[in-house]
Amino acid sequence: MTADDSPAWPAGRAVAWGAVAVFAAIAAFGYALGRTQQDPPSVATAAIAAVGAIGASILLAQRRSPLLVYAAAATAGIAVVCDARSANVGWFAVSLIGGWCSLVGGRRVGLVYWTGAITLFIIEWTWIRPDPGWSAWLAASTFTFFLGLLIRYQFVLVAQLRAAQAGLTEKARAEERNRIARDLHDVIAHTLTVSLLHVMSARLAVEHDPADAARSLSEAERLGRESLAEVRTAVGMLREDGDAGRTAPLPGVDSLPTLVERFRSAGADVTLSVDGDTSRLPATVGLAIYRILQEALTNVIKHAPGSPAAVRLTVDAAAVRLSVHSMGAPGTGTGLGVISMRERAESLGGTCEAGPGGPGWLVRASFPHNSQGQ
């Protein structure tokens, strides 16, 4: 958006009527000053011209179209009132009209009026009443023309900045909603899958080992409660007013053994190995690694039940790498989990790939060290 194709300057009514009042005062002062000069125009002629100029200025203040016609009418009235005398300060009204045209109408309208005003002053100077004083009005008209354009440009710039700010705010909200949706997907899918394993184990053991069945159901209940708490936390982030008193630490790299043990307790064959110092990993990377592993192991249970899975986390000078290798061939699915893992990695400048690897399925995620400061 440029200063010319933007909407008219959004002046309030107070500003518009204030400009009319200033214009009327200048016209009245010019009329009174013209009465003191030698051979002034008749009282009736000057009065009609002054009233006509003020009436046209009201239409200008209301931004009526065509703007240039009313500007020309107001200028003609001022020219009659000032009677071709450069010493009459009523000519300042012409400069005021020029600034208003460029402010309200834009560059093209302002330039047309400025050209006409400059032509009028040159004709007055060279043909009607030669006087060096006309140079001041030439300079004043030029100054107000550019001043009006500058003010208009500032209003356009403010409007653009507000629009950009609104766009960034909406983008941030959309990204936050996507992040929360990923969290909800990961938490619910993981909990339902692992809880289902415990329920199946309890169903099989209820007749032969009631104690083991009770333990499985208790674990499923505990997972359900934890999932409900995490869902409440994630959904609570959607509230605009927020609730600082209901925050909880997010899982990270330190929670990986607990996560793996949770799958093991449900009967999954999962091994975990960690190489390198994980103590300095930022929370953002730790959370992404946790959620990717959570989704990967959930997919292993859903699509390749009973197959062993090997988890390896490596931290070195180049990057942080996570691999989840399942020995079973995956089944079919919607692919939303893979998309969620990829989006998590890419949001931190990393990568995540999932596909056939060796005899089974391999998930690999990598985070460069320059992403850890984000």
Foldseek 3Di string as FASTA:
>chain_A
DALQPDAFDPDDPVVLVVLLVVLLVLLVQLLVVQVPDPPADDPVLLVVLSVQLSVLSNCLSVVDPPNVVSLVSNQVSLCNSNVLDLVRSSLVSLLSSLLSCCQGNNDVRSVVSLVVSLVVLVCSCPPPPNDPSSVVSNVSSVVSNVVSNVVSRVVVVVVVVVVVVVVVVVVVVVVLVLVLVLQLVLLVLLLVLLLVLLCVVLVVCCVPPVVSSVVSNVLNVVSVVVSVLSNVQSVQVPDPVHDVVSDDDAAFQVCVVVLVVSNVSSPAAEEEDEEDDPPPFARLNRNLLVSLVSLVVSQCCVFPNPWHKYWYWYDDQFKTKIKIDTQAAGDDDPCVSVVSSQVSQVVLPKGWDWDDDDNYIMIMIIHGPVSRVD
